């Protein structure tokens, strides 16, 4: 059995600027750093058996703040990366036609499948209490996979805020 604490990284400069971050590293804002420190306090009494995070810098920085200097190994994976916005990466959200995605953007179907791969990876390789730090859209897709919510209903899952933690039991 896995108890999963699924967290979104702290607020970034790119979040504030309303930029498609996708696979950009991202830079935590002062508020994002404070969010991670507050989350560290909230999680301080939980003993994590393993920690996994996206390999993108904003997630790594969030984990480093959560660890507060503790020498703990954690695994970084591309499975937890945010959606790949392709040629839209780095663009302002207001400057694109969201109804006409370019062909190089990772589709919702692809993201949902990758989230399912992450859940399968967890079940195969982990047991116990796990902290996973990812991003808004991938975390929502992971939650959908865990709760057997089909892709067609993924928008029924509430948006994930910066440094929000959601807890799931995976059998």
Protein backbone atom coordinates (compact mmCIF):
# COMPACT_ATOMS: atom_id res chain seq x y z
CA UNK A 1 0.00 0.00 0.00
CA UNK A 2 1.18 3.51 -0.82
CA UNK A 3 0.20 6.69 0.95
CA UNK A 4 0.98 9.37 -1.61
CA UNK A 5 1.39 13.02 -0.73
CA UNK A 6 1.19 14.74 -4.12
CA UNK A 7 2.47 18.33 -4.11
CA UNK A 8 2.70 21.09 -6.69
CA UNK A 9 5.86 23.22 -6.67
CA UNK A 10 5.91 26.72 -5.16
CA UNK A 11 4.83 29.80 -7.09
CA UNK A 12 7.18 30.86 -9.88
CA UNK A 13 7.95 34.08 -11.68
CA UNK A 14 6.50 32.46 -14.79
CA UNK A 15 3.22 31.66 -12.96
CA UNK A 16 2.85 35.36 -12.14
CA UNK A 17 3.69 36.41 -15.68
CA UNK A 18 1.12 33.89 -17.06
CA UNK A 19 3.71 32.14 -19.22
CA UNK A 20 3.44 28.62 -20.59
CA UNK A 21 6.26 27.14 -18.48
CA UNK A 22 6.02 23.56 -19.60
CA UNK A 23 9.54 22.15 -19.50
CA UNK A 24 11.23 25.45 -18.61
CA UNK A 25 13.13 25.25 -15.30
CA UNK A 26 11.04 27.97 -13.60
CA UNK A 27 12.19 30.36 -10.89
CA UNK A 28 10.53 30.31 -7.47
CA UNK A 29 9.34 33.72 -6.27
CA UNK A 30 9.80 34.86 -2.68
CA UNK A 31 6.18 33.85 -2.13
CA UNK A 32 6.92 30.45 -3.68
CA UNK A 33 9.81 29.99 -1.26
CA UNK A 34 7.55 30.95 1.65
CA UNK A 35 4.85 28.56 0.41
CA UNK A 36 7.40 25.72 0.45
CA UNK A 37 8.55 26.69 3.96
CA UNK A 38 4.93 26.68 5.18
CA UNK A 39 4.38 23.29 3.57
CA UNK A 40 7.54 22.00 5.24
CA UNK A 41 6.02 22.98 8.59
CA UNK A 42 2.73 21.28 7.66
CA UNK A 43 4.51 18.04 6.71
CA UNK A 44 7.16 18.05 9.45
CA UNK A 45 5.67 15.17 11.46
CA UNK A 46 5.33 12.83 8.48
CA UNK A 47 8.09 10.27 7.90
CA UNK A 48 8.46 9.78 4.16
CA UNK A 49 9.87 6.48 3.00
CA UNK A 50 10.74 7.95 -0.40
CA UNK A 51 10.69 11.29 -2.18
CA UNK A 52 10.18 11.65 -5.91
CA UNK A 53 10.04 14.86 -7.91
CA UNK A 54 9.94 16.27 -11.38
CA UNK A 55 13.42 16.91 -12.77
CA UNK A 56 12.46 20.52 -13.56
CA UNK A 57 14.23 23.06 -11.36
CA UNK A 58 11.14 24.62 -9.77
CA UNK A 59 10.13 21.21 -8.38
CA UNK A 60 13.71 20.38 -7.31
CA UNK A 61 13.98 23.76 -5.54
CA UNK A 62 10.69 23.08 -3.75
CA UNK A 63 11.93 19.67 -2.55
CA UNK A 64 15.20 21.22 -1.36
CA UNK A 65 13.25 23.74 0.73
CA UNK A 66 11.02 20.98 2.11
CA UNK A 67 14.12 19.03 3.15
CA UNK A 68 15.61 22.10 4.90
CA UNK A 69 19.20 20.98 4.48
CA UNK A 70 18.62 17.33 5.44
CA UNK A 71 20.82 14.96 3.47
CA UNK A 72 18.05 12.85 1.97
CA UNK A 73 18.31 11.20 -1.42
CA UNK A 74 15.38 11.67 -3.71
CA UNK A 75 14.58 10.50 -7.20
CA UNK A 76 14.00 12.93 -10.07
CA UNK A 77 11.87 11.79 -12.98
CA UNK A 78 10.59 13.12 -16.28
CA UNK A 79 7.30 11.32 -15.58
CA UNK A 80 6.40 14.16 -13.20
CA UNK A 81 7.24 16.96 -15.64
CA UNK A 82 4.58 19.47 -16.52
CA UNK A 83 2.84 19.24 -19.89
CA UNK A 84 5.18 19.95 -22.79
CA UNK A 85 3.89 23.08 -24.49
CA UNK A 86 6.21 22.62 -27.46
CA UNK A 87 6.57 25.81 -29.49
CA UNK A 88 4.31 27.63 -27.03
CA UNK A 89 6.85 27.16 -24.23
CA UNK A 90 7.84 30.57 -22.88
CA UNK A 91 4.93 32.36 -24.55
CA UNK A 92 2.32 34.42 -22.74
CA UNK A 93 -0.95 32.54 -22.35
CA UNK A 94 -2.90 35.55 -23.64
CA UNK A 95 -0.94 35.51 -26.91
CA UNK A 96 -2.11 32.10 -28.17
CA UNK A 97 -5.31 30.58 -29.47
CA UNK A 98 -5.86 27.80 -26.93
CA UNK A 99 -8.40 26.13 -29.22
CA UNK A 100 -5.74 25.61 -31.91
CA UNK A 101 -2.82 23.74 -30.39
CA UNK A 102 0.35 23.43 -32.46
CA UNK A 103 1.27 19.87 -33.44
CA UNK A 104 4.29 19.81 -31.10
CA UNK A 105 2.24 20.29 -27.89
CA UNK A 106 1.77 17.27 -25.61
CA UNK A 107 -1.93 16.44 -25.85
CA UNK A 108 -4.24 15.85 -22.88
CA UNK A 109 -4.34 12.20 -23.89
CA UNK A 110 -0.55 11.96 -23.81
CA UNK A 111 -0.39 13.72 -20.43
CA UNK A 112 -3.10 11.44 -19.01
CA UNK A 113 -1.21 8.38 -20.27
CA UNK A 114 2.06 9.64 -18.75
CA UNK A 115 0.28 10.20 -15.44
CA UNK A 116 -0.97 6.61 -15.62
CA UNK A 117 2.60 5.47 -16.27
CA UNK A 118 3.68 7.32 -13.12
CA UNK A 119 0.99 5.57 -11.03
CA UNK A 120 2.06 2.19 -12.47
CA UNK A 121 5.70 3.06 -11.73
CA UNK A 122 4.79 3.86 -8.10
CA UNK A 123 2.88 0.60 -7.66
CA UNK A 124 5.75 -1.44 -9.11
CA UNK A 125 8.63 0.24 -7.25
CA UNK A 126 7.38 1.75 -3.99
CA UNK A 127 5.58 0.99 -0.79
CA UNK A 128 4.90 3.12 2.26
CA UNK A 129 4.62 6.88 2.54
CA UNK A 130 5.76 8.76 -0.55
CA UNK A 131 6.17 12.48 -1.23
CA UNK A 132 5.92 13.38 -4.92
CA UNK A 133 6.47 16.95 -6.12
CA UNK A 134 5.21 17.80 -9.57
CA UNK A 135 3.19 20.44 -11.38
CA UNK A 136 -0.40 21.56 -11.75
CA UNK A 137 -1.56 19.72 -14.86
CA UNK A 138 0.40 16.49 -14.36
CA UNK A 139 -0.76 16.31 -10.73
CA UNK A 140 -4.36 16.71 -11.84
CA UNK A 141 -3.86 13.89 -14.39
CA UNK A 142 -2.25 11.69 -11.71
CA UNK A 143 -5.21 12.31 -9.41
CA UNK A 144 -7.59 11.38 -12.24
CA UNK A 145 -5.72 8.12 -12.80
CA UNK A 146 -5.70 7.26 -9.09
CA UNK A 147 -9.41 7.98 -8.74
CA UNK A 148 -10.38 6.32 -12.05
CA UNK A 149 -11.71 9.58 -13.43
CA UNK A 150 -11.75 9.40 -17.24
CA UNK A 151 -9.92 12.03 -19.26
CA UNK A 152 -13.28 13.39 -20.45
CA UNK A 153 -14.05 14.39 -16.83
CA UNK A 154 -10.60 15.62 -15.78
CA UNK A 155 -11.80 19.22 -15.49
CA UNK A 156 -14.07 18.14 -12.63
CA UNK A 157 -10.88 17.91 -10.55
CA UNK A 158 -10.19 21.20 -8.85
CA UNK A 159 -7.13 23.14 -10.03
CA UNK A 160 -4.00 22.43 -7.98
CA UNK A 161 -2.57 25.51 -6.22
CA UNK A 162 1.11 26.18 -5.66
CA UNK A 163 2.47 24.06 -2.77
CA UNK A 164 -0.91 22.40 -2.32
CA UNK A 165 -0.70 18.84 -1.07
CA UNK A 166 -3.24 16.13 -1.84
CA UNK A 167 -3.16 12.77 -0.11
CA UNK A 168 -4.09 9.47 -1.76
CA UNK A 169 -4.08 5.81 -0.78
CA UNK A 170 -2.95 3.56 -3.63
CA UNK A 171 -3.42 -0.20 -3.40
